[in-house]
Amino acid sequence: MPDAVRLSIGVVGPRTLDVRVSPEDADALEQGLASGSPTVKLETDEGPLTLVLAQVVYVQRAGREAHVGFGA
């Protein structure tokens, strides 16, 4: 997934899902949350994931992977 987006998805309970998805799947998740859809299916770097959106507490989206070291 060369243009993958990193998502941290907080769900009910003390759990966070950290996944990498395509930009299109990240947009589909945001649209599903905004529209009140019951579920959304994402293709992650580890395989398919179906989320029950009523259980999602927050989504943090990062466009680029973190890099160790100094950069400009």
C-alpha atoms as a PDB file:
ATOM      1  CA  MET A   1       0.000   0.000   0.000  1.00  0.00           C
ATOM      2  CA  PRO A   2       2.286   2.787  -1.215  1.00  0.00           C
ATOM      3  CA  ASP A   3      -0.074   5.710  -0.495  1.00  0.00           C
ATOM      4  CA  ALA A   4      -1.483   4.204   2.696  1.00  0.00           C
ATOM      5  CA  VAL A   5      -3.102   6.329   5.373  1.00  0.00           C
ATOM      6  CA  ARG A   6      -2.475   5.416   8.991  1.00  0.00           C
ATOM      7  CA  LEU A   7      -5.615   5.409  11.152  1.00  0.00           C
ATOM      8  CA  SER A   8      -5.964   5.050  14.901  1.00  0.00           C
ATOM      9  CA  ILE A   9      -9.559   4.053  15.574  1.00  0.00           C
ATOM     10  CA  GLY A  10     -10.784   4.228  19.149  1.00  0.00           C
ATOM     11  CA  VAL A  11     -13.627   1.860  19.946  1.00  0.00           C
ATOM     12  CA  VAL A  12     -15.841   1.375  23.006  1.00  0.00           C
ATOM     13  CA  GLY A  13     -13.753  -0.055  25.805  1.00  0.00           C
ATOM     14  CA  PRO A  14     -10.045   0.478  26.334  1.00  0.00           C
ATOM     15  CA  ARG A  15      -9.026  -0.422  22.800  1.00  0.00           C
ATOM     16  CA  THR A  16      -7.496   1.307  19.808  1.00  0.00           C
ATOM     17  CA  LEU A  17      -7.131  -0.227  16.358  1.00  0.00           C
ATOM     18  CA  ASP A  18      -4.058   0.979  14.456  1.00  0.00           C
ATOM     19  CA  VAL A  19      -4.411   0.184  10.748  1.00  0.00           C
ATOM     20  CA  ARG A  20      -3.139   1.299   7.345  1.00  0.00           C
ATOM     21  CA  VAL A  21      -5.733   1.735   4.613  1.00  0.00           C
ATOM     22  CA  SER A  22      -6.042   3.375   1.208  1.00  0.00           C
ATOM     23  CA  PRO A  23      -7.047   7.045   1.111  1.00  0.00           C
ATOM     24  CA  GLU A  24     -10.370   5.954  -0.415  1.00  0.00           C
ATOM     25  CA  ASP A  25     -11.115   3.619   2.521  1.00  0.00           C
ATOM     26  CA  ALA A  26     -10.171   6.356   5.008  1.00  0.00           C
ATOM     27  CA  ASP A  27     -12.629   8.693   3.242  1.00  0.00           C
ATOM     28  CA  ALA A  28     -15.306   5.943   3.246  1.00  0.00           C
ATOM     29  CA  LEU A  29     -14.904   5.566   7.018  1.00  0.00           C
ATOM     30  CA  GLU A  30     -15.344   9.305   7.563  1.00  0.00           C
ATOM     31  CA  GLN A  31     -18.377   9.387   5.260  1.00  0.00           C
ATOM     32  CA  GLY A  32     -19.905   6.373   7.013  1.00  0.00           C
ATOM     33  CA  LEU A  33     -19.500   8.030  10.402  1.00  0.00           C
ATOM     34  CA  ALA A  34     -21.019  11.285   9.128  1.00  0.00           C
ATOM     35  CA  SER A  35     -23.995   9.591   7.444  1.00  0.00           C
ATOM     36  CA  GLY A  36     -24.871   7.210  10.275  1.00  0.00           C
ATOM     37  CA  SER A  37     -24.149   4.011   8.365  1.00  0.00           C
ATOM     38  CA  PRO A  38     -24.250   0.921  10.587  1.00  0.00           C
ATOM     39  CA  THR A  39     -20.985  -0.619   9.353  1.00  0.00           C
ATOM     40  CA  VAL A  40     -18.071   0.014   7.018  1.00  0.00           C
ATOM     41  CA  LYS A  41     -15.659  -2.488   5.492  1.00  0.00           C
ATOM     42  CA  LEU A  42     -11.997  -1.487   5.153  1.00  0.00           C
ATOM     43  CA  GLU A  43      -9.184  -3.239   3.329  1.00  0.00           C
ATOM     44  CA  THR A  44      -6.235  -2.926   5.714  1.00  0.00           C
ATOM     45  CA  ASP A  45      -2.628  -3.974   5.250  1.00  0.00           C
ATOM     46  CA  GLU A  46      -3.455  -6.998   7.449  1.00  0.00           C
ATOM     47  CA  GLY A  47      -6.669  -7.990   5.645  1.00  0.00           C
ATOM     48  CA  PRO A  48     -10.337  -6.961   5.585  1.00  0.00           C
ATOM     49  CA  LEU A  49     -11.879  -5.268   8.630  1.00  0.00           C
ATOM     50  CA  THR A  50     -15.581  -4.597   9.204  1.00  0.00           C
ATOM     51  CA  LEU A  51     -16.316  -1.915  11.795  1.00  0.00           C
ATOM     52  CA  VAL A  52     -19.608  -1.419  13.618  1.00  0.00           C
ATOM     53  CA  LEU A  53     -19.662   2.367  13.510  1.00  0.00           C
ATOM     54  CA  ALA A  54     -21.827   2.728  16.639  1.00  0.00           C
ATOM     55  CA  GLN A  55     -18.805   1.360  18.557  1.00  0.00           C
ATOM     56  CA  VAL A  56     -16.332   3.915  17.139  1.00  0.00           C
ATOM     57  CA  VAL A  57     -15.413   6.660  19.614  1.00  0.00           C
ATOM     58  CA  TYR A  58     -12.775   8.526  17.568  1.00  0.00           C
ATOM     59  CA  VAL A  59     -10.637   8.326  14.436  1.00  0.00           C
ATOM     60  CA  GLN A  60      -7.199   9.889  14.149  1.00  0.00           C
ATOM     61  CA  ARG A  61      -5.861  10.127  10.605  1.00  0.00           C
ATOM     62  CA  ALA A  62      -2.215  10.608   9.610  1.00  0.00           C
ATOM     63  CA  GLY A  63      -1.163  10.880   5.974  1.00  0.00           C
ATOM     64  CA  ARG A  64       2.464   9.896   6.366  1.00  0.00           C
ATOM     65  CA  GLU A  65       4.362   7.412   8.469  1.00  0.00           C
ATOM     66  CA  ALA A  66       6.487   8.831  11.258  1.00  0.00           C
ATOM     67  CA  HIS A  67      10.209   8.947  10.564  1.00  0.00           C
ATOM     68  CA  VAL A  68      12.939   8.566  13.140  1.00  0.00           C
ATOM     69  CA  GLY A  69      15.663  11.206  13.079  1.00  0.00           C
ATOM     70  CA  PHE A  70      15.953  14.785  12.026  1.00  0.00           C
ATOM     71  CA  GLY A  71      14.266  16.135   8.934  1.00  0.00           C
ATOM     72  CA  ALA A  72      13.440  19.440   7.359  1.00  0.00           C
END
